[in-house]
Amino acid sequence: MEKRLNWKDNLVKAAGIPEDLAYGQPVVTVTGHKRAVIQNYRGILLYTSEKLVLRTSHGTVTVCGKDLQILSYCGDEMEITGWIGDIHLG
């Protein structure tokens, strides 16, 4: 199995594919305290106006704040607005 992992890693590097895309890692883009876009999530585990927990293939992404709203979501990308205080990857 070790050879398979090295082979995939080498292929990803040689092809210039971003690791987040190749391995399905979550990507979190934050604009100030008011907007976040999260990519590569698998599902919503908890959603309130103060806390949002998303399941990813590598754990969870937790967004804490006030007046949180899911502005849009499709496929594996979600846009969150409100006052964002903390983001935890776990």
Protein backbone atom coordinates (compact mmCIF):
# COMPACT_ATOMS: atom_id res chain seq x y z
CA MET A 1 0.00 0.00 0.00
CA GLU A 2 2.91 2.33 0.64
CA LYS A 3 3.85 2.22 -3.07
CA ARG A 4 0.29 3.16 -4.07
CA LEU A 5 0.35 6.24 -1.82
CA ASN A 6 3.73 7.31 -3.18
CA TRP A 7 2.54 6.73 -6.75
CA LYS A 8 -0.55 8.92 -6.22
CA ASP A 9 1.46 11.64 -4.49
CA ASN A 10 3.96 11.64 -7.35
CA LEU A 11 1.20 11.80 -9.95
CA VAL A 12 -0.51 14.72 -8.19
CA LYS A 13 2.76 16.64 -8.01
CA ALA A 14 3.77 15.86 -11.59
CA ALA A 15 0.38 16.88 -12.98
CA GLY A 16 0.35 20.07 -10.94
CA ILE A 17 -3.05 19.24 -9.42
CA PRO A 18 -3.75 21.19 -6.21
CA GLU A 19 -3.70 18.82 -3.20
CA ASP A 20 -7.05 20.07 -1.91
CA LEU A 21 -8.67 19.03 -5.19
CA ALA A 22 -6.82 15.72 -5.49
CA TYR A 23 -7.50 14.61 -1.92
CA GLY A 24 -10.87 16.31 -1.28
CA GLN A 25 -9.56 18.48 1.54
CA PRO A 26 -11.84 21.25 2.80
CA VAL A 27 -11.05 24.74 1.52
CA VAL A 28 -12.18 27.69 3.67
CA THR A 29 -12.02 31.22 2.23
CA VAL A 30 -12.84 33.99 4.70
CA THR A 31 -13.49 37.63 3.84
CA GLY A 32 -13.23 39.67 7.03
CA HIS A 33 -15.74 38.72 9.73
CA LYS A 34 -18.77 38.77 7.44
CA ARG A 35 -18.38 36.08 4.76
CA ALA A 36 -16.92 32.59 4.34
CA VAL A 37 -16.99 30.13 1.47
CA ILE A 38 -16.39 26.48 2.30
CA GLN A 39 -15.62 23.95 -0.41
CA ASN A 40 -15.46 20.15 -0.30
CA TYR A 41 -17.97 19.62 2.49
CA ARG A 42 -20.07 16.45 2.62
CA GLY A 43 -23.06 17.46 4.75
CA ILE A 44 -24.50 19.72 7.44
CA LEU A 45 -24.33 18.27 10.96
CA LEU A 46 -25.61 21.32 12.89
CA TYR A 47 -27.00 24.67 11.81
CA THR A 48 -28.10 27.49 14.12
CA SER A 49 -27.70 31.26 13.92
CA GLU A 50 -24.61 30.95 16.17
CA LYS A 51 -22.98 27.69 15.03
CA LEU A 52 -22.59 25.71 11.83
CA VAL A 53 -20.88 22.30 11.76
CA LEU A 54 -20.09 20.71 8.40
CA ARG A 55 -18.89 17.17 7.76
CA THR A 56 -15.94 16.75 5.41
CA SER A 57 -14.01 13.72 4.26
CA HIS A 58 -11.26 14.77 6.68
CA GLY A 59 -13.33 15.62 9.78
CA THR A 60 -15.44 18.68 10.48
CA VAL A 61 -15.45 22.42 9.88
CA THR A 62 -17.13 24.45 12.64
CA VAL A 63 -18.08 28.09 12.15
CA CYS A 64 -19.12 30.09 15.24
CA GLY A 65 -20.52 33.60 15.25
CA LYS A 66 -23.75 35.60 15.32
CA ASP A 67 -26.61 35.86 12.82
CA LEU A 68 -25.04 33.13 10.67
CA GLN A 69 -26.94 32.36 7.48
CA ILE A 70 -26.30 29.99 4.63
CA LEU A 71 -26.53 32.37 1.70
CA SER A 72 -26.09 29.67 -0.94
CA TYR A 73 -24.96 26.10 -1.33
CA CYS A 74 -24.64 23.68 -4.20
CA GLY A 75 -22.75 20.45 -4.64
CA ASP A 76 -19.73 20.82 -2.41
CA GLU A 77 -19.58 24.61 -1.95
CA MET A 78 -21.36 26.78 0.62
CA GLU A 79 -21.40 30.55 1.25
CA ILE A 80 -22.01 31.73 4.82
CA THR A 81 -22.73 35.29 5.94
CA GLY A 82 -23.18 36.92 9.32
CA TRP A 83 -20.61 37.85 11.95
CA ILE A 84 -17.99 35.09 11.92
CA GLY A 85 -15.96 34.88 15.09
CA ASP A 86 -14.21 31.49 14.92
CA ILE A 87 -13.58 28.71 12.45
CA HIS A 88 -12.28 25.35 13.68
CA LEU A 89 -11.05 22.42 11.62
CA GLY A 90 -11.33 19.09 13.39
